[in-house]
C-alpha cells in the first residue's frame, strides 16, 4: 500500500474534520442541540485519530536498532489500534451518554438554522474527504470488494480513514434526521435518539477497527497471491528443486519476513548451495519487493520425512 496515498487521505480527512468540529461546536452553542455536541466531539476525536495515524507513520520510519532488529514498522498498527480505542471511548461512549441525557431531559432546539446549516456544510466537506479516501483506495483495491479490502489490507491508514469517513457521513445524516424530527414535532427527544444512534454507530465502527488492527498486531502472513509468487520464485528447477515448508510474516505494512526450508540436490557443493540461495533471494525480492528479510535453510528432501507426523512434547496436542 502506498504510504503517500494513505498520508494524502489522512491529511484531507484531518483538514475536513477540524473545520467541521469548529462549525459543529458553534452550532451547539447557539442551538443547544445534543446531536450537534455529540457530532462536534466526534469530529474532534476523528481529528485526533488522524493525528495519531500521522504520528504512527512517522515513528514507523525509524531505522532498526539492536533492541528492535526488525525495525518499527508495526508502530503503524499500534497507532491504528489506539484510533479504535479513542473512537470507542471519546466518540461512541460520549454520544451514548449525551443521547441518554437528552432523552431523559429533552428541550427544544433554539435557532434551528445553525444546526441544519452546519450539518449540510459538514456533509459536503465529509463527502470530499470520503471521495479522496475512495480514490486512493481504488488504486490498491483491485478486484476486491470493499469489505475484503478492509479485511485484507496490511497498511491500516486507508481502511481506518474509509471507515471513519463513512461513519462520519452516516452520523451526520442521523444527526440531521434527529434535529429535523425534533424541529418538526417540537419534541427534543428525537434529538436525543439521533445522538444515541450516532454513539451506537461509532462503537460498531470502533469494534471493527479494533478487530482488524488486533489481527495485524498479532502478526499476519502474506496474502495468497504473494505466497504463490514467492514459492514460484524460490524454485529454479536446477539447484532448488522444492519448497519443503515456508512461513511469512508482516513486520510492517511494507516489510515482509520470509523463512523457508528448501530442497537442494544431494550432491551440490556448499558453494553451489550458497550461490543458489543468493539467487533465490534475488528472485523473491524481484517478485515481491516488500520481502526484505529472507532466511532460507537448505535441506535434502525426503518423502518419508515429509509424510511423518510431527513430534510433539509431552502434554502438547
C-alpha atoms as a PDB file:
ATOM      1  CA  UNK A   1       0.000   0.000   0.000  1.00  0.00           C
ATOM      2  CA  UNK A   2       1.314   3.400  -0.932  1.00  0.00           C
ATOM      3  CA  UNK A   3       2.322   5.373   2.127  1.00  0.00           C
ATOM      4  CA  UNK A   4       1.872   8.622   0.186  1.00  0.00           C
ATOM      5  CA  UNK A   5      -1.677   7.648  -0.760  1.00  0.00           C
ATOM      6  CA  UNK A   6      -2.523   6.912   2.869  1.00  0.00           C
ATOM      7  CA  UNK A   7      -0.983  10.206   4.011  1.00  0.00           C
ATOM      8  CA  UNK A   8      -2.943  12.176   1.415  1.00  0.00           C
ATOM      9  CA  UNK A   9      -6.213  10.665   2.605  1.00  0.00           C
ATOM     10  CA  UNK A  10      -5.293  11.316   6.265  1.00  0.00           C
ATOM     11  CA  UNK A  11      -4.426  14.979   5.642  1.00  0.00           C
ATOM     12  CA  UNK A  12      -7.659  15.512   3.678  1.00  0.00           C
ATOM     13  CA  UNK A  13      -9.685  13.945   6.497  1.00  0.00           C
ATOM     14  CA  UNK A  14      -7.818  15.958   9.154  1.00  0.00           C
ATOM     15  CA  UNK A  15      -8.457  19.276   7.407  1.00  0.00           C
ATOM     16  CA  UNK A  16     -12.148  18.473   6.913  1.00  0.00           C
ATOM     17  CA  UNK A  17     -12.682  17.288  10.487  1.00  0.00           C
ATOM     18  CA  UNK A  18     -11.004  20.293  12.114  1.00  0.00           C
ATOM     19  CA  UNK A  19     -13.176  22.717  10.142  1.00  0.00           C
ATOM     20  CA  UNK A  20     -16.293  20.661  10.793  1.00  0.00           C
ATOM     21  CA  UNK A  21     -15.575  20.310  14.539  1.00  0.00           C
ATOM     22  CA  UNK A  22     -15.391  24.096  14.960  1.00  0.00           C
ATOM     23  CA  UNK A  23     -18.574  24.643  12.935  1.00  0.00           C
ATOM     24  CA  UNK A  24     -20.499  21.982  14.881  1.00  0.00           C
ATOM     25  CA  UNK A  25     -19.453  23.357  18.245  1.00  0.00           C
ATOM     26  CA  UNK A  26     -20.549  26.863  17.266  1.00  0.00           C
ATOM     27  CA  UNK A  27     -23.893  25.413  16.154  1.00  0.00           C
ATOM     28  CA  UNK A  28     -24.241  23.600  19.509  1.00  0.00           C
ATOM     29  CA  UNK A  29     -23.613  26.848  21.427  1.00  0.00           C
ATOM     30  CA  UNK A  30     -26.382  28.665  19.534  1.00  0.00           C
ATOM     31  CA  UNK A  31     -28.896  25.801  19.319  1.00  0.00           C
ATOM     32  CA  UNK A  32     -28.305  23.607  22.379  1.00  0.00           C
ATOM     33  CA  UNK A  33     -28.701  20.501  20.201  1.00  0.00           C
ATOM     34  CA  UNK A  34     -27.209  17.361  21.791  1.00  0.00           C
ATOM     35  CA  UNK A  35     -26.739  15.866  18.329  1.00  0.00           C
ATOM     36  CA  UNK A  36     -24.513  18.812  17.447  1.00  0.00           C
ATOM     37  CA  UNK A  37     -22.498  18.394  20.661  1.00  0.00           C
ATOM     38  CA  UNK A  38     -22.057  14.668  20.006  1.00  0.00           C
ATOM     39  CA  UNK A  39     -21.075  15.377  16.414  1.00  0.00           C
ATOM     40  CA  UNK A  40     -18.575  18.091  17.418  1.00  0.00           C
ATOM     41  CA  UNK A  41     -16.909  15.682  19.861  1.00  0.00           C
ATOM     42  CA  UNK A  42     -16.996  13.018  17.145  1.00  0.00           C
ATOM     43  CA  UNK A  43     -15.211  15.313  14.681  1.00  0.00           C
ATOM     44  CA  UNK A  44     -12.706  16.359  17.329  1.00  0.00           C
ATOM     45  CA  UNK A  45     -11.996  12.693  18.111  1.00  0.00           C
ATOM     46  CA  UNK A  46     -11.593  11.963  14.398  1.00  0.00           C
ATOM     47  CA  UNK A  47      -9.108  14.842  14.112  1.00  0.00           C
ATOM     48  CA  UNK A  48      -7.116  13.364  16.982  1.00  0.00           C
ATOM     49  CA  UNK A  49      -7.267   9.969  15.297  1.00  0.00           C
ATOM     50  CA  UNK A  50      -5.817  11.326  12.070  1.00  0.00           C
ATOM     51  CA  UNK A  51      -3.080  12.951  14.136  1.00  0.00           C
ATOM     52  CA  UNK A  52      -2.344   9.546  15.696  1.00  0.00           C
ATOM     53  CA  UNK A  53      -2.093   7.932  12.253  1.00  0.00           C
ATOM     54  CA  UNK A  54       0.374  10.598  11.102  1.00  0.00           C
ATOM     55  CA  UNK A  55       2.470  10.123  14.252  1.00  0.00           C
ATOM     56  CA  UNK A  56       2.443   6.341  13.772  1.00  0.00           C
ATOM     57  CA  UNK A  57       3.557   6.688  10.151  1.00  0.00           C
ATOM     58  CA  UNK A  58       6.432   8.963  11.212  1.00  0.00           C
ATOM     59  CA  UNK A  59       7.606   6.698  14.026  1.00  0.00           C
ATOM     60  CA  UNK A  60       7.470   3.631  11.760  1.00  0.00           C
ATOM     61  CA  UNK A  61      10.175   5.169   9.541  1.00  0.00           C
ATOM     62  CA  UNK A  62      12.841   4.891  12.248  1.00  0.00           C
ATOM     63  CA  UNK A  63      15.874   2.729  11.479  1.00  0.00           C
ATOM     64  CA  UNK A  64      16.263  -0.698  13.076  1.00  0.00           C
ATOM     65  CA  UNK A  65      18.251  -0.892  16.312  1.00  0.00           C
ATOM     66  CA  UNK A  66      19.945  -3.775  18.188  1.00  0.00           C
ATOM     67  CA  UNK A  67      16.928  -3.840  20.529  1.00  0.00           C
ATOM     68  CA  UNK A  68      14.489  -3.764  17.577  1.00  0.00           C
ATOM     69  CA  UNK A  69      16.383  -5.540  14.786  1.00  0.00           C
ATOM     70  CA  UNK A  70      13.337  -5.788  12.529  1.00  0.00           C
ATOM     71  CA  UNK A  71      12.576  -2.068  12.725  1.00  0.00           C
ATOM     72  CA  UNK A  72       9.494  -0.174  13.818  1.00  0.00           C
ATOM     73  CA  UNK A  73       7.028  -0.934  11.016  1.00  0.00           C
ATOM     74  CA  UNK A  74       4.384  -2.155  13.459  1.00  0.00           C
ATOM     75  CA  UNK A  75       4.151   1.308  15.024  1.00  0.00           C
ATOM     76  CA  UNK A  76       1.518   1.979  12.363  1.00  0.00           C
ATOM     77  CA  UNK A  77      -0.575  -0.923  13.684  1.00  0.00           C
ATOM     78  CA  UNK A  78      -0.242   0.264  17.282  1.00  0.00           C
ATOM     79  CA  UNK A  79      -1.423   3.774  16.490  1.00  0.00           C
ATOM     80  CA  UNK A  80      -4.281   2.440  14.352  1.00  0.00           C
ATOM     81  CA  UNK A  81      -5.375   0.340  17.341  1.00  0.00           C
ATOM     82  CA  UNK A  82      -5.257   3.471  19.524  1.00  0.00           C
ATOM     83  CA  UNK A  83      -7.584   5.111  16.988  1.00  0.00           C
ATOM     84  CA  UNK A  84     -10.198   2.415  17.592  1.00  0.00           C
ATOM     85  CA  UNK A  85      -9.948   2.964  21.359  1.00  0.00           C
ATOM     86  CA  UNK A  86     -10.331   6.741  21.020  1.00  0.00           C
ATOM     87  CA  UNK A  87     -13.277   6.321  18.641  1.00  0.00           C
ATOM     88  CA  UNK A  88     -14.951   3.924  21.087  1.00  0.00           C
ATOM     89  CA  UNK A  89     -14.378   5.885  24.293  1.00  0.00           C
ATOM     90  CA  UNK A  90     -14.359   9.550  23.292  1.00  0.00           C
ATOM     91  CA  UNK A  91     -16.718   9.334  20.320  1.00  0.00           C
ATOM     92  CA  UNK A  92     -19.119   6.463  20.931  1.00  0.00           C
ATOM     93  CA  UNK A  93     -19.483   6.408  24.705  1.00  0.00           C
ATOM     94  CA  UNK A  94     -19.815  10.188  24.954  1.00  0.00           C
ATOM     95  CA  UNK A  95     -22.537  10.224  22.288  1.00  0.00           C
ATOM     96  CA  UNK A  96     -24.477   7.471  24.052  1.00  0.00           C
ATOM     97  CA  UNK A  97     -24.239   9.327  27.376  1.00  0.00           C
ATOM     98  CA  UNK A  98     -25.303  12.617  25.772  1.00  0.00           C
ATOM     99  CA  UNK A  99     -28.176  10.919  23.922  1.00  0.00           C
ATOM    100  CA  UNK A 100     -29.425   9.286  27.127  1.00  0.00           C
ATOM    101  CA  UNK A 101     -29.330  12.615  28.969  1.00  0.00           C
ATOM    102  CA  UNK A 102     -31.225  14.367  26.152  1.00  0.00           C
ATOM    103  CA  UNK A 103     -33.907  11.666  26.061  1.00  0.00           C
ATOM    104  CA  UNK A 104     -34.241  11.881  29.851  1.00  0.00           C
ATOM    105  CA  UNK A 105     -34.282  15.692  29.895  1.00  0.00           C
ATOM    106  CA  UNK A 106     -35.450  16.867  26.453  1.00  0.00           C
ATOM    107  CA  UNK A 107     -35.640  20.500  25.426  1.00  0.00           C
ATOM    108  CA  UNK A 108     -36.448  22.301  22.217  1.00  0.00           C
ATOM    109  CA  UNK A 109     -33.751  23.309  19.728  1.00  0.00           C
ATOM    110  CA  UNK A 110     -33.070  27.023  19.501  1.00  0.00           C
ATOM    111  CA  UNK A 111     -32.025  28.823  16.311  1.00  0.00           C
ATOM    112  CA  UNK A 112     -32.686  25.780  14.095  1.00  0.00           C
ATOM    113  CA  UNK A 113     -30.845  27.265  11.134  1.00  0.00           C
ATOM    114  CA  UNK A 114     -27.484  26.845  12.914  1.00  0.00           C
ATOM    115  CA  UNK A 115     -27.520  23.044  13.279  1.00  0.00           C
ATOM    116  CA  UNK A 116     -29.204  22.476   9.917  1.00  0.00           C
ATOM    117  CA  UNK A 117     -26.786  24.761   8.064  1.00  0.00           C
ATOM    118  CA  UNK A 118     -23.707  23.307   9.751  1.00  0.00           C
ATOM    119  CA  UNK A 119     -24.849  19.729   9.154  1.00  0.00           C
ATOM    120  CA  UNK A 120     -25.336  20.409   5.449  1.00  0.00           C
ATOM    121  CA  UNK A 121     -21.872  22.039   5.297  1.00  0.00           C
ATOM    122  CA  UNK A 122     -20.368  19.089   7.195  1.00  0.00           C
ATOM    123  CA  UNK A 123     -21.944  16.541   4.839  1.00  0.00           C
ATOM    124  CA  UNK A 124     -20.426  18.345   1.853  1.00  0.00           C
ATOM    125  CA  UNK A 125     -16.972  18.592   3.497  1.00  0.00           C
ATOM    126  CA  UNK A 126     -17.012  14.949   4.645  1.00  0.00           C
ATOM    127  CA  UNK A 127     -18.075  13.867   1.159  1.00  0.00           C
ATOM    128  CA  UNK A 128     -14.926  15.425  -0.298  1.00  0.00           C
ATOM    129  CA  UNK A 129     -12.780  13.706   2.335  1.00  0.00           C
ATOM    130  CA  UNK A 130     -14.554  10.370   1.718  1.00  0.00           C
ATOM    131  CA  UNK A 131     -14.081  10.820  -2.031  1.00  0.00           C
ATOM    132  CA  UNK A 132     -10.323  11.275  -1.532  1.00  0.00           C
ATOM    133  CA  UNK A 133     -10.126   8.112   0.593  1.00  0.00           C
ATOM    134  CA  UNK A 134     -12.091   6.132  -2.008  1.00  0.00           C
ATOM    135  CA  UNK A 135      -9.899   7.433  -4.839  1.00  0.00           C
ATOM    136  CA  UNK A 136      -6.667   6.498  -3.039  1.00  0.00           C
ATOM    137  CA  UNK A 137      -8.051   3.089  -2.028  1.00  0.00           C
ATOM    138  CA  UNK A 138      -9.215   2.236  -5.550  1.00  0.00           C
ATOM    139  CA  UNK A 139      -5.594   2.410  -6.729  1.00  0.00           C
ATOM    140  CA  UNK A 140      -4.817  -0.546  -4.458  1.00  0.00           C
ATOM    141  CA  UNK A 141      -8.140  -2.365  -4.067  1.00  0.00           C
ATOM    142  CA  UNK A 142      -8.056  -4.161  -7.426  1.00  0.00           C
ATOM    143  CA  UNK A 143     -10.919  -6.646  -7.745  1.00  0.00           C
ATOM    144  CA  UNK A 144     -11.526  -6.886  -4.007  1.00  0.00           C
ATOM    145  CA  UNK A 145     -14.852  -5.824  -2.547  1.00  0.00           C
ATOM    146  CA  UNK A 146     -14.750  -3.007  -0.008  1.00  0.00           C
ATOM    147  CA  UNK A 147     -15.251  -5.475   2.847  1.00  0.00           C
ATOM    148  CA  UNK A 148     -12.393  -7.641   1.544  1.00  0.00           C
ATOM    149  CA  UNK A 149     -10.177  -4.579   1.130  1.00  0.00           C
ATOM    150  CA  UNK A 150     -10.716  -3.505   4.753  1.00  0.00           C
ATOM    151  CA  UNK A 151     -10.150  -7.088   5.945  1.00  0.00           C
ATOM    152  CA  UNK A 152      -7.033  -7.866   3.895  1.00  0.00           C
ATOM    153  CA  UNK A 153      -5.223  -4.529   3.765  1.00  0.00           C
ATOM    154  CA  UNK A 154      -1.879  -4.707   5.563  1.00  0.00           C
ATOM    155  CA  UNK A 155      -1.496  -0.917   5.790  1.00  0.00           C
ATOM    156  CA  UNK A 156      -4.064   0.363   8.306  1.00  0.00           C
ATOM    157  CA  UNK A 157      -4.342   4.027   7.300  1.00  0.00           C
ATOM    158  CA  UNK A 158      -6.724   3.867   4.337  1.00  0.00           C
ATOM    159  CA  UNK A 159      -9.162   1.359   5.897  1.00  0.00           C
ATOM    160  CA  UNK A 160      -9.226   3.469   9.078  1.00  0.00           C
ATOM    161  CA  UNK A 161      -9.913   6.695   7.170  1.00  0.00           C
ATOM    162  CA  UNK A 162     -12.515   4.964   4.998  1.00  0.00           C
ATOM    163  CA  UNK A 163     -14.440   3.652   7.995  1.00  0.00           C
ATOM    164  CA  UNK A 164     -14.108   6.935   9.877  1.00  0.00           C
ATOM    165  CA  UNK A 165     -15.385   8.967   6.924  1.00  0.00           C
ATOM    166  CA  UNK A 166     -18.225   6.509   6.312  1.00  0.00           C
ATOM    167  CA  UNK A 167     -19.171   6.690   9.990  1.00  0.00           C
ATOM    168  CA  UNK A 168     -18.968  10.478   9.887  1.00  0.00           C
ATOM    169  CA  UNK A 169     -21.290  10.718   6.881  1.00  0.00           C
ATOM    170  CA  UNK A 170     -23.838   8.294   8.318  1.00  0.00           C
ATOM    171  CA  UNK A 171     -23.588  10.072  11.693  1.00  0.00           C
ATOM    172  CA  UNK A 172     -24.254  13.432  10.065  1.00  0.00           C
ATOM    173  CA  UNK A 173     -27.334  12.048   8.336  1.00  0.00           C
ATOM    174  CA  UNK A 174     -28.550  10.604  11.659  1.00  0.00           C
ATOM    175  CA  UNK A 175     -27.937  13.961  13.344  1.00  0.00           C
ATOM    176  CA  UNK A 176     -29.809  15.776  10.578  1.00  0.00           C
ATOM    177  CA  UNK A 177     -32.727  13.358  10.918  1.00  0.00           C
ATOM    178  CA  UNK A 178     -32.763  13.781  14.703  1.00  0.00           C
ATOM    179  CA  UNK A 179     -32.659  17.556  14.504  1.00  0.00           C
ATOM    180  CA  UNK A 180     -35.241  17.609  11.704  1.00  0.00           C
ATOM    181  CA  UNK A 181     -37.705  15.413  13.622  1.00  0.00           C
ATOM    182  CA  UNK A 182     -37.157  17.435  16.777  1.00  0.00           C
ATOM    183  CA  UNK A 183     -37.961  20.638  14.874  1.00  0.00           C
ATOM    184  CA  UNK A 184     -40.951  19.121  13.074  1.00  0.00           C
ATOM    185  CA  UNK A 185     -42.545  17.654  16.195  1.00  0.00           C
ATOM    186  CA  UNK A 186     -41.324  20.159  18.778  1.00  0.00           C
ATOM    187  CA  UNK A 187     -40.110  17.186  20.822  1.00  0.00           C
ATOM    188  CA  UNK A 188     -36.400  17.269  21.784  1.00  0.00           C
ATOM    189  CA  UNK A 189     -36.446  13.520  22.448  1.00  0.00           C
ATOM    190  CA  UNK A 190     -35.813  12.958  18.734  1.00  0.00           C
ATOM    191  CA  UNK A 191     -32.584  14.914  19.022  1.00  0.00           C
ATOM    192  CA  UNK A 192     -31.518  12.570  21.824  1.00  0.00           C
ATOM    193  CA  UNK A 193     -32.479   9.493  19.791  1.00  0.00           C
ATOM    194  CA  UNK A 194     -30.350  10.752  16.889  1.00  0.00           C
ATOM    195  CA  UNK A 195     -27.436  11.265  19.295  1.00  0.00           C
ATOM    196  CA  UNK A 196     -27.889   7.751  20.698  1.00  0.00           C
ATOM    197  CA  UNK A 197     -27.821   6.263  17.191  1.00  0.00           C
ATOM    198  CA  UNK A 198     -24.597   8.146  16.447  1.00  0.00           C
ATOM    199  CA  UNK A 199     -22.995   6.612  19.555  1.00  0.00           C
ATOM    200  CA  UNK A 200     -24.055   3.072  18.587  1.00  0.00           C
ATOM    201  CA  UNK A 201     -22.697   3.609  15.065  1.00  0.00           C
ATOM    202  CA  UNK A 202     -19.318   4.843  16.343  1.00  0.00           C
ATOM    203  CA  UNK A 203     -18.948   1.937  18.756  1.00  0.00           C
ATOM    204  CA  UNK A 204     -19.727  -0.551  15.954  1.00  0.00           C
ATOM    205  CA  UNK A 205     -17.051   1.005  13.712  1.00  0.00           C
ATOM    206  CA  UNK A 206     -14.571   1.081  16.617  1.00  0.00           C
ATOM    207  CA  UNK A 207     -15.097  -2.640  17.254  1.00  0.00           C
ATOM    208  CA  UNK A 208     -14.470  -3.447  13.570  1.00  0.00           C
ATOM    209  CA  UNK A 209     -11.290  -1.344  13.569  1.00  0.00           C
ATOM    210  CA  UNK A 210     -10.080  -2.914  16.815  1.00  0.00           C
ATOM    211  CA  UNK A 211     -10.608  -6.446  15.487  1.00  0.00           C
ATOM    212  CA  UNK A 212      -8.749  -5.759  12.242  1.00  0.00           C
ATOM    213  CA  UNK A 213      -5.804  -3.929  13.817  1.00  0.00           C
ATOM    214  CA  UNK A 214      -5.531  -6.560  16.561  1.00  0.00           C
ATOM    215  CA  UNK A 215      -5.038  -9.188  13.866  1.00  0.00           C
ATOM    216  CA  UNK A 216      -2.277  -7.078  12.295  1.00  0.00           C
ATOM    217  CA  UNK A 217      -0.614  -6.545  15.684  1.00  0.00           C
ATOM    218  CA  UNK A 218      -0.573 -10.285  16.345  1.00  0.00           C
ATOM    219  CA  UNK A 219       1.160 -10.790  13.001  1.00  0.00           C
ATOM    220  CA  UNK A 220      -0.377 -11.715   9.670  1.00  0.00           C
ATOM    221  CA  UNK A 221       1.133 -13.768   6.870  1.00  0.00           C
ATOM    222  CA  UNK A 222       1.488 -12.532   3.319  1.00  0.00           C
ATOM    223  CA  UNK A 223      -1.574 -12.735   1.098  1.00  0.00           C
ATOM    224  CA  UNK A 224      -2.215 -15.822  -1.024  1.00  0.00           C
ATOM    225  CA  UNK A 225      -1.035 -14.039  -4.181  1.00  0.00           C
ATOM    226  CA  UNK A 226       2.287 -13.038  -2.608  1.00  0.00           C
ATOM    227  CA  UNK A 227       2.825 -16.536  -1.171  1.00  0.00           C
ATOM    228  CA  UNK A 228       2.342 -18.068  -4.633  1.00  0.00           C
ATOM    229  CA  UNK A 229       4.820 -15.610  -6.177  1.00  0.00           C
ATOM    230  CA  UNK A 230       7.412 -16.372  -3.505  1.00  0.00           C
ATOM    231  CA  UNK A 231       7.063 -20.133  -3.923  1.00  0.00           C
ATOM    232  CA  UNK A 232       7.473 -19.849  -7.692  1.00  0.00           C
ATOM    233  CA  UNK A 233      10.481 -17.571  -7.271  1.00  0.00           C
ATOM    234  CA  UNK A 234      12.187 -19.975  -4.868  1.00  0.00           C
ATOM    235  CA  UNK A 235      12.254 -22.998  -7.147  1.00  0.00           C
ATOM    236  CA  UNK A 236      14.634 -22.788 -10.105  1.00  0.00           C
ATOM    237  CA  UNK A 237      14.373 -26.457 -11.092  1.00  0.00           C
ATOM    238  CA  UNK A 238      18.131 -26.833 -11.007  1.00  0.00           C
ATOM    239  CA  UNK A 239      19.645 -26.404  -7.562  1.00  0.00           C
ATOM    240  CA  UNK A 240      16.459 -25.539  -5.639  1.00  0.00           C
ATOM    241  CA  UNK A 241      14.008 -28.288  -6.502  1.00  0.00           C
ATOM    242  CA  UNK A 242      11.219 -27.853  -3.945  1.00  0.00           C
ATOM    243  CA  UNK A 243       9.862 -25.730  -1.117  1.00  0.00           C
ATOM    244  CA  UNK A 244       9.628 -28.080   1.861  1.00  0.00           C
ATOM    245  CA  UNK A 245       7.834 -25.543   4.047  1.00  0.00           C
ATOM    246  CA  UNK A 246       7.615 -21.783   4.323  1.00  0.00           C
ATOM    247  CA  UNK A 247       6.421 -19.129   6.763  1.00  0.00           C
ATOM    248  CA  UNK A 248       5.798 -15.434   6.068  1.00  0.00           C
ATOM    249  CA  UNK A 249       5.107 -12.577   8.474  1.00  0.00           C
ATOM    250  CA  UNK A 250       4.419  -8.874   8.008  1.00  0.00           C
ATOM    251  CA  UNK A 251       6.923  -6.889  10.067  1.00  0.00           C
ATOM    252  CA  UNK A 252       5.060  -3.797   8.921  1.00  0.00           C
ATOM    253  CA  UNK A 253       2.693  -2.844   6.113  1.00  0.00           C
ATOM    254  CA  UNK A 254       5.525  -2.640   3.595  1.00  0.00           C
ATOM    255  CA  UNK A 255       8.030  -5.122   5.019  1.00  0.00           C
ATOM    256  CA  UNK A 256       7.701  -8.895   4.830  1.00  0.00           C
ATOM    257  CA  UNK A 257       9.744 -11.616   6.519  1.00  0.00           C
ATOM    258  CA  UNK A 258      10.161 -14.883   4.592  1.00  0.00           C
ATOM    259  CA  UNK A 259      11.551 -18.042   6.213  1.00  0.00           C
ATOM    260  CA  UNK A 260      11.682 -21.266   4.193  1.00  0.00           C
ATOM    261  CA  UNK A 261      13.283 -24.672   4.118  1.00  0.00           C
ATOM    262  CA  UNK A 262      14.196 -25.524   0.537  1.00  0.00           C
ATOM    263  CA  UNK A 263      15.249 -28.793  -1.069  1.00  0.00           C
ATOM    264  CA  UNK A 264      18.593 -28.833  -2.889  1.00  0.00           C
ATOM    265  CA  UNK A 265      20.427 -31.538  -4.848  1.00  0.00           C
ATOM    266  CA  UNK A 266      22.195 -34.016  -2.562  1.00  0.00           C
ATOM    267  CA  UNK A 267      25.466 -33.803  -4.490  1.00  0.00           C
ATOM    268  CA  UNK A 268      25.676 -29.975  -4.662  1.00  0.00           C
ATOM    269  CA  UNK A 269      28.723 -28.363  -3.110  1.00  0.00           C
ATOM    270  CA  UNK A 270      28.478 -25.759  -0.363  1.00  0.00           C
ATOM    271  CA  UNK A 271      29.466 -23.064  -2.865  1.00  0.00           C
ATOM    272  CA  UNK A 272      26.705 -24.150  -5.243  1.00  0.00           C
ATOM    273  CA  UNK A 273      24.110 -24.166  -2.470  1.00  0.00           C
ATOM    274  CA  UNK A 274      25.209 -20.702  -1.273  1.00  0.00           C
ATOM    275  CA  UNK A 275      25.000 -19.354  -4.816  1.00  0.00           C
ATOM    276  CA  UNK A 276      21.542 -20.922  -5.239  1.00  0.00           C
ATOM    277  CA  UNK A 277      20.304 -19.302  -2.015  1.00  0.00           C
ATOM    278  CA  UNK A 278      21.584 -15.894  -3.097  1.00  0.00           C
ATOM    279  CA  UNK A 279      19.883 -16.284  -6.462  1.00  0.00           C
ATOM    280  CA  UNK A 280      16.628 -17.382  -4.801  1.00  0.00           C
ATOM    281  CA  UNK A 281      16.674 -14.312  -2.562  1.00  0.00           C
ATOM    282  CA  UNK A 282      17.135 -12.061  -5.596  1.00  0.00           C
ATOM    283  CA  UNK A 283      14.222 -13.739  -7.384  1.00  0.00           C
ATOM    284  CA  UNK A 284      11.964 -13.356  -4.330  1.00  0.00           C
ATOM    285  CA  UNK A 285      12.745  -9.639  -3.989  1.00  0.00           C
ATOM    286  CA  UNK A 286      12.113  -9.137  -7.695  1.00  0.00           C
ATOM    287  CA  UNK A 287       8.750 -10.941  -7.486  1.00  0.00           C
ATOM    288  CA  UNK A 288       7.638  -9.421  -4.151  1.00  0.00           C
ATOM    289  CA  UNK A 289       9.580  -6.215  -3.421  1.00  0.00           C
ATOM    290  CA  UNK A 290       8.317  -5.920   0.165  1.00  0.00           C
ATOM    291  CA  UNK A 291      10.037  -9.245   1.026  1.00  0.00           C
ATOM    292  CA  UNK A 292      13.028  -7.567   2.645  1.00  0.00           C
ATOM    293  CA  UNK A 293      14.018 -10.060   5.361  1.00  0.00           C
ATOM    294  CA  UNK A 294      14.644 -13.555   3.958  1.00  0.00           C
ATOM    295  CA  UNK A 295      16.003 -16.652   5.714  1.00  0.00           C
ATOM    296  CA  UNK A 296      16.476 -19.803   3.651  1.00  0.00           C
ATOM    297  CA  UNK A 297      17.554 -23.177   5.046  1.00  0.00           C
ATOM    298  CA  UNK A 298      18.793 -25.778   2.539  1.00  0.00           C
ATOM    299  CA  UNK A 299      17.921 -29.429   3.118  1.00  0.00           C
ATOM    300  CA  UNK A 300      17.703 -32.745   1.280  1.00  0.00           C
ATOM    301  CA  UNK A 301      14.074 -33.595   0.586  1.00  0.00           C
ATOM    302  CA  UNK A 302      12.862 -36.932   1.886  1.00  0.00           C
ATOM    303  CA  UNK A 303       9.387 -38.220   1.049  1.00  0.00           C
ATOM    304  CA  UNK A 304       9.362 -40.377   4.177  1.00  0.00           C
ATOM    305  CA  UNK A 305      10.322 -37.485   6.447  1.00  0.00           C
ATOM    306  CA  UNK A 306       7.768 -35.207   4.804  1.00  0.00           C
ATOM    307  CA  UNK A 307       4.896 -37.639   5.445  1.00  0.00           C
ATOM    308  CA  UNK A 308       5.975 -38.480   9.012  1.00  0.00           C
ATOM    309  CA  UNK A 309       3.665 -36.947  11.665  1.00  0.00           C
ATOM    310  CA  UNK A 310       5.269 -34.121  13.646  1.00  0.00           C
ATOM    311  CA  UNK A 311       6.838 -34.900  17.014  1.00  0.00           C
ATOM    312  CA  UNK A 312       5.252 -33.034  19.925  1.00  0.00           C
ATOM    313  CA  UNK A 313       6.324 -32.623  23.524  1.00  0.00           C
ATOM    314  CA  UNK A 314       4.512 -34.445  26.335  1.00  0.00           C
ATOM    315  CA  UNK A 315       1.269 -32.752  27.198  1.00  0.00           C
ATOM    316  CA  UNK A 316       1.060 -30.939  23.826  1.00  0.00           C
ATOM    317  CA  UNK A 317      -1.851 -31.604  21.482  1.00  0.00           C
END
